[in-house]
Amino acid sequence: MMENVQITTEYITLQQLLKHVDAISSGGMVKWYLEENEVLVNGERENRRGRKLYEGDKVSVPELGEITVSR
């Protein structure tokens, strides 16, 4: 499944994105989620919850598919 997430700011953090797509229900879950699941940003594994995502970045989330950041 492919999804677009539109942002109105320069960037969105990985934590905000995961919360927005309902991968996590609260910010406190993000550290655990990133340790237990292989989340890829532009094809590379990412475990930093504060990773800044900009327009055009692609995030692959287990069971949710690929998410593209757009403006």
N, C-alpha and C. Protein backbone atom coordinates (compact mmCIF):
# COMPACT_ATOMS: atom_id res chain seq x y z
N MET A 1 0.84 -1.18 0.00
CA MET A 1 0.00 0.00 0.00
C MET A 1 0.89 1.24 0.00
N MET A 2 0.51 2.22 -0.79
CA MET A 2 1.28 3.46 -0.89
C MET A 2 0.40 4.60 -0.41
N GLU A 3 0.97 5.45 0.43
CA GLU A 3 0.20 6.55 1.00
C GLU A 3 1.04 7.82 0.92
N ASN A 4 0.37 8.95 0.73
CA ASN A 4 1.03 10.24 0.78
C ASN A 4 0.62 10.95 2.06
N VAL A 5 1.59 11.57 2.72
CA VAL A 5 1.31 12.40 3.88
C VAL A 5 1.73 13.81 3.52
N GLN A 6 0.77 14.72 3.53
CA GLN A 6 1.07 16.10 3.18
C GLN A 6 1.45 16.87 4.43
N ILE A 7 2.52 17.67 4.29
CA ILE A 7 2.94 18.52 5.39
C ILE A 7 2.84 19.97 4.96
N THR A 8 2.67 20.84 5.93
CA THR A 8 2.59 22.27 5.63
C THR A 8 3.81 23.01 6.16
N THR A 9 4.69 22.27 6.82
CA THR A 9 5.92 22.84 7.34
C THR A 9 7.09 22.33 6.51
N GLU A 10 8.30 22.76 6.84
CA GLU A 10 9.48 22.34 6.08
C GLU A 10 9.74 20.84 6.22
N TYR A 11 9.47 20.29 7.41
CA TYR A 11 9.72 18.88 7.66
C TYR A 11 8.76 18.35 8.72
N ILE A 12 8.75 17.02 8.86
CA ILE A 12 8.00 16.35 9.91
C ILE A 12 8.97 15.32 10.51
N THR A 13 8.89 15.10 11.81
CA THR A 13 9.79 14.11 12.40
C THR A 13 9.21 12.71 12.19
N LEU A 14 10.08 11.73 12.26
CA LEU A 14 9.65 10.34 12.10
C LEU A 14 8.59 10.00 13.14
N GLN A 15 8.78 10.45 14.36
CA GLN A 15 7.81 10.20 15.43
C GLN A 15 6.44 10.78 15.07
N GLN A 16 6.41 12.00 14.58
CA GLN A 16 5.14 12.63 14.19
C GLN A 16 4.47 11.87 13.05
N LEU A 17 5.28 11.42 12.09
CA LEU A 17 4.74 10.68 10.96
C LEU A 17 4.12 9.36 11.42
N LEU A 18 4.84 8.63 12.27
CA LEU A 18 4.32 7.34 12.75
C LEU A 18 3.03 7.52 13.53
N LYS A 19 2.93 8.60 14.28
CA LYS A 19 1.70 8.87 15.02
C LYS A 19 0.58 9.26 14.05
N HIS A 20 0.91 10.03 13.04
CA HIS A 20 -0.07 10.48 12.05
C HIS A 20 -0.71 9.32 11.29
N VAL A 21 0.09 8.30 10.97
CA VAL A 21 -0.43 7.16 10.21
C VAL A 21 -0.92 6.03 11.12
N ASP A 22 -1.01 6.31 12.41
CA ASP A 22 -1.53 5.37 13.41
C ASP A 22 -0.68 4.11 13.58
N ALA A 23 0.63 4.21 13.30
CA ALA A 23 1.52 3.10 13.58
C ALA A 23 1.75 3.00 15.09
N ILE A 24 1.72 4.16 15.76
CA ILE A 24 1.83 4.21 17.23
C ILE A 24 0.69 5.09 17.73
N SER A 25 0.28 4.86 18.98
CA SER A 25 -0.83 5.65 19.52
C SER A 25 -0.34 6.82 20.37
N SER A 26 0.92 6.76 20.82
CA SER A 26 1.46 7.87 21.61
C SER A 26 2.95 8.01 21.33
N GLY A 27 3.47 9.18 21.61
CA GLY A 27 4.89 9.44 21.39
C GLY A 27 5.78 8.55 22.24
N GLY A 28 5.30 8.12 23.38
CA GLY A 28 6.08 7.27 24.26
C GLY A 28 6.35 5.88 23.69
N MET A 29 5.57 5.47 22.72
CA MET A 29 5.72 4.14 22.11
C MET A 29 6.78 4.11 21.01
N VAL A 30 7.22 5.27 20.55
CA VAL A 30 8.05 5.32 19.35
C VAL A 30 9.40 4.62 19.52
N LYS A 31 10.04 4.77 20.66
CA LYS A 31 11.35 4.13 20.86
C LYS A 31 11.21 2.61 20.77
N TRP A 32 10.23 2.07 21.46
CA TRP A 32 9.97 0.63 21.39
C TRP A 32 9.64 0.20 19.97
N TYR A 33 8.78 0.96 19.30
CA TYR A 33 8.34 0.61 17.95
C TYR A 33 9.53 0.53 16.99
N LEU A 34 10.44 1.51 17.08
CA LEU A 34 11.59 1.54 16.18
C LEU A 34 12.58 0.42 16.50
N GLU A 35 12.65 0.00 17.75
CA GLU A 35 13.53 -1.12 18.11
C GLU A 35 12.96 -2.45 17.62
N GLU A 36 11.65 -2.60 17.66
CA GLU A 36 11.00 -3.87 17.33
C GLU A 36 10.63 -4.03 15.86
N ASN A 37 10.59 -2.95 15.11
CA ASN A 37 10.16 -2.99 13.71
C ASN A 37 11.22 -2.37 12.81
N GLU A 38 11.33 -2.90 11.62
CA GLU A 38 12.29 -2.38 10.66
C GLU A 38 11.64 -1.27 9.84
N VAL A 39 11.85 -0.03 10.29
CA VAL A 39 11.33 1.14 9.59
C VAL A 39 12.46 1.66 8.70
N LEU A 40 12.15 1.83 7.43
CA LEU A 40 13.15 2.29 6.47
C LEU A 40 12.82 3.70 6.01
N VAL A 41 13.84 4.55 5.96
CA VAL A 41 13.69 5.89 5.39
C VAL A 41 14.60 5.94 4.17
N ASN A 42 14.01 6.13 3.01
CA ASN A 42 14.74 6.14 1.75
C ASN A 42 15.62 4.88 1.59
N GLY A 43 15.06 3.75 2.03
CA GLY A 43 15.73 2.47 1.85
C GLY A 43 16.72 2.08 2.94
N GLU A 44 16.95 2.95 3.93
CA GLU A 44 17.89 2.65 5.00
C GLU A 44 17.17 2.57 6.34
N ARG A 45 17.56 1.58 7.15
CA ARG A 45 16.94 1.40 8.46
C ARG A 45 17.14 2.66 9.31
N GLU A 46 16.09 3.06 10.00
CA GLU A 46 16.15 4.26 10.81
C GLU A 46 15.62 3.98 12.20
N ASN A 47 16.34 4.41 13.24
CA ASN A 47 15.87 4.22 14.60
C ASN A 47 15.87 5.51 15.41
N ARG A 48 16.06 6.64 14.73
CA ARG A 48 16.03 7.94 15.41
C ARG A 48 14.63 8.53 15.29
N ARG A 49 13.96 8.66 16.41
CA ARG A 49 12.58 9.17 16.38
C ARG A 49 12.51 10.61 15.91
N GLY A 50 13.57 11.38 16.10
CA GLY A 50 13.58 12.78 15.70
C GLY A 50 14.08 13.02 14.29
N ARG A 51 14.29 11.95 13.54
CA ARG A 51 14.76 12.08 12.15
C ARG A 51 13.83 13.00 11.39
N LYS A 52 14.38 14.04 10.77
CA LYS A 52 13.58 14.98 10.01
C LYS A 52 13.30 14.42 8.63
N LEU A 53 12.04 14.43 8.26
CA LEU A 53 11.61 13.94 6.95
C LEU A 53 11.15 15.13 6.12
N TYR A 54 11.67 15.22 4.93
CA TYR A 54 11.36 16.34 4.04
C TYR A 54 10.55 15.85 2.84
N GLU A 55 10.04 16.80 2.08
CA GLU A 55 9.28 16.48 0.88
C GLU A 55 10.07 15.52 0.00
N GLY A 56 9.42 14.45 -0.44
CA GLY A 56 10.04 13.47 -1.30
C GLY A 56 10.61 12.27 -0.57
N ASP A 57 10.78 12.37 0.76
CA ASP A 57 11.28 11.22 1.51
C ASP A 57 10.25 10.10 1.50
N LYS A 58 10.76 8.87 1.45
CA LYS A 58 9.90 7.69 1.44
C LYS A 58 10.19 6.87 2.69
N VAL A 59 9.12 6.52 3.41
CA VAL A 59 9.23 5.76 4.65
C VAL A 59 8.48 4.46 4.48
N SER A 60 9.15 3.36 4.75
CA SER A 60 8.54 2.04 4.68
C SER A 60 8.26 1.57 6.10
N VAL A 61 6.98 1.33 6.38
CA VAL A 61 6.55 0.93 7.72
C VAL A 61 5.92 -0.46 7.64
N PRO A 62 6.40 -1.40 8.49
CA PRO A 62 5.83 -2.75 8.46
C PRO A 62 4.31 -2.73 8.60
N GLU A 63 3.64 -3.51 7.79
CA GLU A 63 2.18 -3.67 7.78
C GLU A 63 1.41 -2.46 7.28
N LEU A 64 2.09 -1.33 7.06
CA LEU A 64 1.41 -0.15 6.52
C LEU A 64 1.85 0.17 5.10
N GLY A 65 3.04 -0.30 4.73
CA GLY A 65 3.54 -0.06 3.39
C GLY A 65 4.42 1.17 3.31
N GLU A 66 4.45 1.76 2.13
CA GLU A 66 5.32 2.90 1.88
C GLU A 66 4.56 4.22 1.98
N ILE A 67 5.17 5.18 2.65
CA ILE A 67 4.57 6.49 2.85
C ILE A 67 5.51 7.51 2.24
N THR A 68 4.97 8.41 1.42
CA THR A 68 5.76 9.46 0.80
C THR A 68 5.36 10.79 1.42
N VAL A 69 6.37 11.57 1.79
CA VAL A 69 6.12 12.91 2.36
C VAL A 69 5.99 13.89 1.21
N SER A 70 4.92 14.67 1.21
CA SER A 70 4.71 15.66 0.16
C SER A 70 4.20 16.96 0.76
N ARG A 71 4.26 18.00 -0.05
CA ARG A 71 3.80 19.33 0.41
C ARG A 71 2.66 19.80 -0.45
